[in-house]
Structure formats: structure tokens, C-alpha cells
Amino acid sequence: MRTNESLPNLEQEALLWKQGSAFVFGIDEAGRGCLAGPVCAAVAAWSANLNAETVLSEIRDSKQMTLAQREAAFDPVMERSLAKGVGWASAQEIDRWNILRATYLAVARAMEQALRVMFEKGLFDGKDFSLFAFLTDGSHPLLSHSRFFLKEPDTKNEFHFLKILLQDPVKEICLIKGDSRVYSIASASVLAKVHRDRHMLVLDKEFPAYNFADHKGYSTEKHIKKLRESGPCSEHRRSYAPVAEAAAMWQTR
């Protein structure tokens, strides 16, 4: 089992597996600091029966990987992980709820997707969640806090399995820099980053004035320059100061 201290390892997962949690999900997100585009969340779980062929030595915090390394790791994670899910919250939802709460929504959608596929594959009965545990990157229990959206009128109908999962407290462990320490979180990090980067390439074609392909919506000098030259588009987060300032400049022209 992989334990190299310089790479994310399976120590946290192994502890939970020994305690009886057969399904241990890592949770991470990409795009919280961007000025444009959605925030993307991903969840990933691996089988307790990992072997040398299953463990991917190249998996680590996606921020520490090159584009080529992330792309090379993406398909193996998608194909070999026991379960995974990806969820989104749009720029408009970020403006409505704030970025932290919108991240909870994206996590909720990612987990609902993962649970639905697991149920369809017969991995669990859709009712007994006693075998589930969650490892979250950062200091906020992203999954537990997503309960808000189970009662929100605009989103509550999206969730079936998540409502059952979150009707009781869940075993969710928050780990600072978890994406660089924990294998399942690093796996989720790769999924979220690659999915979001690919989405920004699509938006680049739809909104060519902003060069989203180059900066993926982050607050770079080039992005802010383009934002001021062209004004915000529908994918910009208007609650973010640089976008609001650019919008105000265009209103006075």
C-alpha cells in the first residue's frame, strides 16, 4: 500500500476501512478563486482491495501537476475508482449564495451523482449509509453543510439519496491540505480540476474576448485587462470585486 510521504497516501482511508467504512470518499473542488465560470466539486472512492495495478503513482494534488499529468491521470481515476461523482454550481448561483455555500451545492450534486450510480450498479441498497465515510479537503465540512440545499425550494428536488444520507450526522473528516496528503482527496482534486478546465475551454469558444483557455477564469493580469476592455459576460461572477468594478466602468461609458 502506498505510503511515500512525498505523495498522497492511503493511511486515512485504511483507518476508516479497518473501522468498517467500506465506502470512503475523498471530496475536493476547483475554481473557488476564479472570477468567471462555475465552481466544480468532485468525490472519489477507492476499493479497500487496492493493488499495484489499481493504485496510480502519479496521483497527487492537482495544483502540483502539469496539464499533461492531470490529463494522463484523469481517465484511470474515472475507470478504476470504485465510485465517483462531479457536481457544479454556476456563476449565477455563486452570486446568489456566495462562493462557500455554492461550493456546498456543487458537492451535494457530486455526491448525489455518485450515490445514484452506486445504487444502479448494486453497490449498496440506497438506504443503509452506515458503511460510508468522507474525507474533505480544507477546514469546512463541505458535505455536511450541503444540508441547506435539501430544503431550498430551487434545489431540493435534485436530491434523493443525499436526503437519506444526511438525515443523520455523517462521518466527515476535514483535513487541511488534504489534497496533498490523502489519496482519495487527491483523486477528487484531479477530477474536479480536469472537468472544470475542459469546461473553460468550451466557454473560451463561446466568449473568445476573454481568453478563458489561457487562465481558466482566474484573476490574472491578462484576464482583468480583457474584463475591463470588454465588460463582464454572463459567466463572470458579479459579486467578485474586479468584476463588479469592470461592470461599473461599463455602466458609466
Protein backbone atom coordinates (compact mmCIF):
# COMPACT_ATOMS: atom_id res chain seq x y z
CA MET A 1 0.00 0.00 0.00
CA ARG A 2 1.30 3.41 -0.97
CA THR A 3 2.87 5.31 1.93
CA ASN A 4 5.51 7.56 0.33
CA GLU A 5 5.39 10.71 2.46
CA SER A 6 6.00 12.96 -0.56
CA LEU A 7 2.81 11.71 -2.21
CA PRO A 8 -0.80 11.42 -1.06
CA ASN A 9 -1.19 8.09 0.70
CA LEU A 10 -3.94 5.73 1.85
CA GLU A 11 -3.38 5.98 5.60
CA GLN A 12 -6.62 7.85 6.31
CA GLU A 13 -8.63 5.52 4.10
CA ALA A 14 -7.04 2.44 5.67
CA LEU A 15 -8.02 3.60 9.18
CA LEU A 16 -11.63 4.04 8.10
CA TRP A 17 -11.70 0.75 6.23
CA LYS A 18 -10.50 -1.02 9.40
CA GLN A 19 -13.32 0.68 11.31
CA GLY A 20 -15.86 -0.81 8.89
CA SER A 21 -16.35 2.04 6.42
CA ALA A 22 -16.34 0.23 3.11
CA PHE A 23 -17.03 3.38 1.10
CA VAL A 24 -14.55 6.17 1.89
CA PHE A 25 -14.99 9.22 -0.33
CA GLY A 26 -12.48 12.00 -0.87
CA ILE A 27 -14.04 15.41 -1.57
CA ASP A 28 -12.42 18.40 -3.27
CA GLU A 29 -13.30 21.35 -5.51
CA ALA A 30 -11.80 23.53 -8.23
CA GLY A 31 -12.47 27.11 -9.21
CA ARG A 32 -13.44 28.81 -5.96
CA GLY A 33 -10.99 31.65 -6.55
CA CYS A 34 -11.95 32.35 -10.16
CA LEU A 35 -13.65 35.46 -11.49
CA ALA A 36 -15.60 33.53 -14.13
CA GLY A 37 -17.15 30.14 -14.72
CA PRO A 38 -18.69 27.64 -12.31
CA VAL A 39 -17.18 26.04 -9.27
CA CYS A 40 -16.73 22.30 -9.73
CA ALA A 41 -16.69 19.67 -6.99
CA ALA A 42 -15.76 16.01 -7.24
CA VAL A 43 -15.91 12.98 -5.00
CA ALA A 44 -13.93 9.77 -5.41
CA ALA A 45 -13.80 6.47 -3.52
CA TRP A 46 -11.45 3.52 -3.96
CA SER A 47 -11.87 -0.13 -3.13
CA ALA A 48 -10.27 -1.40 0.06
CA ASN A 49 -8.80 -4.17 -2.11
CA LEU A 50 -6.32 -1.88 -3.83
CA ASN A 51 -3.40 -3.50 -5.58
CA ALA A 52 -0.35 -2.34 -7.53
CA GLU A 53 -2.32 -2.15 -10.75
CA THR A 54 -5.09 -0.06 -9.24
CA VAL A 55 -3.01 2.49 -7.31
CA LEU A 56 -1.90 5.30 -9.59
CA SER A 57 1.54 6.53 -8.63
CA GLU A 58 1.05 9.83 -10.46
CA ILE A 59 -1.93 10.95 -8.36
CA ARG A 60 -1.28 13.98 -6.19
CA ASP A 61 -2.69 17.44 -5.54
CA SER A 62 -3.84 18.61 -8.98
CA LYS A 63 -2.30 22.05 -8.37
CA GLN A 64 1.10 20.36 -8.23
CA MET A 65 0.58 18.53 -11.52
CA THR A 66 1.13 19.77 -15.05
CA LEU A 67 -1.71 19.84 -17.55
CA ALA A 68 -0.32 16.73 -19.22
CA GLN A 69 -0.02 14.90 -15.89
CA ARG A 70 -3.60 15.73 -14.92
CA GLU A 71 -4.92 14.61 -18.29
CA ALA A 72 -2.93 11.37 -18.07
CA ALA A 73 -4.33 10.61 -14.62
CA PHE A 74 -7.92 11.56 -15.38
CA ASP A 75 -9.10 8.51 -17.35
CA PRO A 76 -7.52 5.97 -14.97
CA VAL A 77 -9.24 7.61 -11.99
CA MET A 78 -12.54 7.61 -13.88
CA GLU A 79 -12.14 3.97 -14.88
CA ARG A 80 -10.55 2.37 -11.81
CA SER A 81 -12.09 4.17 -8.84
CA LEU A 82 -14.87 2.35 -7.03
CA ALA A 83 -17.20 5.36 -7.26
CA LYS A 84 -17.02 9.00 -8.31
CA GLY A 85 -19.20 12.00 -8.99
CA VAL A 86 -18.88 15.54 -10.31
CA GLY A 87 -21.11 18.50 -9.49
CA TRP A 88 -21.31 22.16 -10.44
CA ALA A 89 -22.60 25.48 -9.19
CA SER A 90 -22.93 28.22 -11.80
CA ALA A 91 -21.64 31.78 -11.68
CA GLN A 92 -25.22 32.91 -11.06
CA GLU A 93 -25.56 30.51 -8.13
CA ILE A 94 -22.26 31.74 -6.75
CA ASP A 95 -23.54 35.32 -6.88
CA ARG A 96 -26.79 34.29 -5.23
CA TRP A 97 -25.43 32.13 -2.43
CA ASN A 98 -21.75 33.24 -2.09
CA ILE A 99 -18.87 31.04 -3.13
CA LEU A 100 -18.64 28.91 0.00
CA ARG A 101 -22.32 27.99 0.01
CA ALA A 102 -22.24 27.42 -3.75
CA THR A 103 -19.37 25.00 -3.17
CA TYR A 104 -21.62 23.08 -0.77
CA LEU A 105 -24.19 22.88 -3.58
CA ALA A 106 -21.62 21.58 -6.06
CA VAL A 107 -20.51 18.94 -3.53
CA ALA A 108 -24.13 17.92 -2.95
CA ARG A 109 -24.62 17.43 -6.68
CA ALA A 110 -21.39 15.45 -7.00
CA MET A 111 -22.34 13.15 -4.14
CA GLU A 112 -25.88 12.64 -5.40
CA GLN A 113 -24.47 11.59 -8.77
CA ALA A 114 -22.03 9.15 -7.15
CA LEU A 115 -24.70 7.61 -4.93
CA ARG A 116 -27.14 7.20 -7.79
CA VAL A 117 -24.57 5.36 -9.90
CA MET A 118 -23.58 3.17 -6.95
CA PHE A 119 -27.22 2.24 -6.43
CA GLU A 120 -27.70 1.48 -10.12
CA LYS A 121 -24.62 -0.78 -10.04
CA GLY A 122 -25.90 -2.60 -6.98
CA LEU A 123 -23.04 -1.49 -4.73
CA PHE A 124 -25.49 -0.56 -1.95
CA ASP A 125 -29.23 -0.66 -1.31
CA GLY A 126 -29.82 3.09 -1.35
CA LYS A 127 -30.90 3.11 2.30
CA ASP A 128 -28.07 1.88 4.53
CA PHE A 129 -25.32 4.51 4.75
CA SER A 130 -23.59 3.06 7.80
CA LEU A 131 -20.65 1.96 5.62
CA PHE A 132 -19.92 5.47 4.31
CA ALA A 133 -17.24 7.93 5.46
CA PHE A 134 -15.93 11.15 3.92
CA LEU A 135 -12.56 12.89 3.80
CA THR A 136 -12.82 16.55 2.86
CA ASP A 137 -10.06 18.91 1.79
CA GLY A 138 -9.82 22.02 3.95
CA SER A 139 -11.44 23.11 7.21
CA HIS A 140 -15.12 23.21 6.18
CA PRO A 141 -17.29 20.05 6.25
CA LEU A 142 -18.48 20.58 2.70
CA LEU A 143 -20.83 17.61 2.59
CA SER A 144 -22.43 18.14 5.99
CA HIS A 145 -23.06 21.81 5.24
CA SER A 146 -24.82 20.94 2.00
CA ARG A 147 -27.95 20.08 4.03
CA PHE A 148 -29.10 23.63 3.39
CA PHE A 149 -29.90 22.76 -0.21
CA LEU A 150 -32.04 19.76 0.71
CA LYS A 151 -34.73 22.20 1.89
CA GLU A 152 -34.12 25.07 -0.52
CA PRO A 153 -37.13 25.17 -2.94
CA ASP A 154 -35.00 25.66 -6.06
CA THR A 155 -32.72 22.68 -5.38
CA LYS A 156 -34.43 20.22 -3.04
CA ASN A 157 -35.93 18.14 -5.85
CA GLU A 158 -32.45 17.37 -7.21
CA PHE A 159 -31.62 15.12 -4.29
CA HIS A 160 -32.96 11.71 -3.37
CA PHE A 161 -30.10 9.64 -1.99
CA LEU A 162 -28.44 12.62 -0.37
CA LYS A 163 -31.57 13.34 1.66
CA ILE A 164 -31.37 9.84 3.12
CA LEU A 165 -27.62 10.10 3.71
CA LEU A 166 -27.82 13.44 5.52
CA GLN A 167 -30.86 12.79 7.66
CA ASP A 168 -28.37 11.70 10.34
CA PRO A 169 -24.87 13.01 11.16
CA VAL A 170 -22.23 11.64 8.81
CA LYS A 171 -18.63 10.67 9.44
CA GLU A 172 -16.85 13.56 7.67
CA ILE A 173 -13.22 14.36 8.48
CA CYS A 174 -11.78 17.69 7.34
CA LEU A 175 -8.07 17.71 6.54
CA ILE A 176 -6.01 20.83 5.88
CA LYS A 177 -4.02 20.31 2.67
CA GLY A 178 -5.80 17.01 2.31
CA ASP A 179 -5.33 17.09 -1.46
CA SER A 180 -1.58 16.75 -0.96
CA ARG A 181 -1.84 14.13 1.82
CA VAL A 182 -4.81 11.85 1.12
CA TYR A 183 -5.12 9.65 -1.95
CA SER A 184 -8.90 9.81 -2.38
CA ILE A 185 -8.94 13.59 -1.94
CA ALA A 186 -6.13 13.96 -4.47
CA SER A 187 -8.13 11.79 -6.86
CA ALA A 188 -11.16 14.05 -6.43
CA SER A 189 -8.89 17.04 -6.94
CA VAL A 190 -7.81 15.70 -10.34
CA LEU A 191 -11.39 15.03 -11.40
CA ALA A 192 -12.61 18.48 -10.38
CA LYS A 193 -9.69 20.32 -11.97
CA VAL A 194 -9.78 18.48 -15.30
CA HIS A 195 -13.57 18.70 -15.61
CA ARG A 196 -13.50 22.42 -14.88
CA ASP A 197 -10.56 23.20 -17.16
CA ARG A 198 -12.26 21.38 -20.02
CA HIS A 199 -15.44 23.35 -19.37
CA MET A 200 -13.49 26.60 -19.53
CA LEU A 201 -12.17 25.59 -22.96
CA VAL A 202 -15.79 25.35 -24.11
CA LEU A 203 -16.53 28.78 -22.64
CA ASP A 204 -13.44 30.14 -24.39
CA LYS A 205 -15.08 29.37 -27.74
CA GLU A 206 -18.36 30.89 -26.63
CA PHE A 207 -16.74 34.04 -25.21
CA PRO A 208 -13.47 34.49 -27.16
CA ALA A 209 -12.89 38.05 -25.93
CA TYR A 210 -11.66 36.84 -22.52
CA ASN A 211 -9.13 34.13 -23.40
CA PHE A 212 -10.59 31.70 -20.85
CA ALA A 213 -8.46 28.92 -22.36
CA ASP A 214 -5.33 30.66 -21.06
CA HIS A 215 -6.29 31.48 -17.46
CA LYS A 216 -9.41 29.31 -16.87
CA GLY A 217 -11.22 32.27 -15.32
CA TYR A 218 -8.69 33.00 -12.59
CA SER A 219 -7.81 36.55 -11.59
CA THR A 220 -4.75 37.02 -13.76
CA GLU A 221 -3.49 40.35 -15.05
CA LYS A 222 -4.46 39.37 -18.58
CA HIS A 223 -7.96 38.34 -17.56
CA ILE A 224 -8.62 41.58 -15.70
CA LYS A 225 -7.34 43.55 -18.69
CA LYS A 226 -9.76 41.72 -21.01
CA LEU A 227 -12.55 42.12 -18.48
CA ARG A 228 -12.07 45.90 -18.41
CA GLU A 229 -11.82 46.09 -22.20
CA SER A 230 -14.99 44.10 -22.91
CA GLY A 231 -17.01 44.27 -19.71
CA PRO A 232 -18.34 41.17 -17.90
CA CYS A 233 -20.09 38.35 -19.73
CA SER A 234 -22.79 36.06 -18.35
CA GLU A 235 -20.12 33.70 -16.97
CA HIS A 236 -18.48 36.32 -14.77
CA ARG A 237 -19.17 36.34 -11.03
CA ARG A 238 -20.59 39.80 -10.49
CA SER A 239 -20.30 39.56 -6.71
CA TYR A 240 -16.49 39.48 -7.06
CA ALA A 241 -14.85 42.90 -6.72
CA PRO A 242 -12.86 43.01 -10.01
CA VAL A 243 -15.97 42.00 -11.97
CA ALA A 244 -18.18 44.50 -10.13
CA GLU A 245 -15.61 47.23 -10.80
CA ALA A 246 -15.47 46.39 -14.50
CA ALA A 247 -19.27 46.34 -14.69
CA ALA A 248 -19.44 49.76 -13.03
CA MET A 249 -16.88 51.13 -15.52
CA TRP A 250 -19.04 49.95 -18.43
CA GLN A 251 -22.19 51.42 -16.94
CA THR A 252 -20.61 54.88 -16.93
CA ARG A 253 -19.46 54.72 -20.57
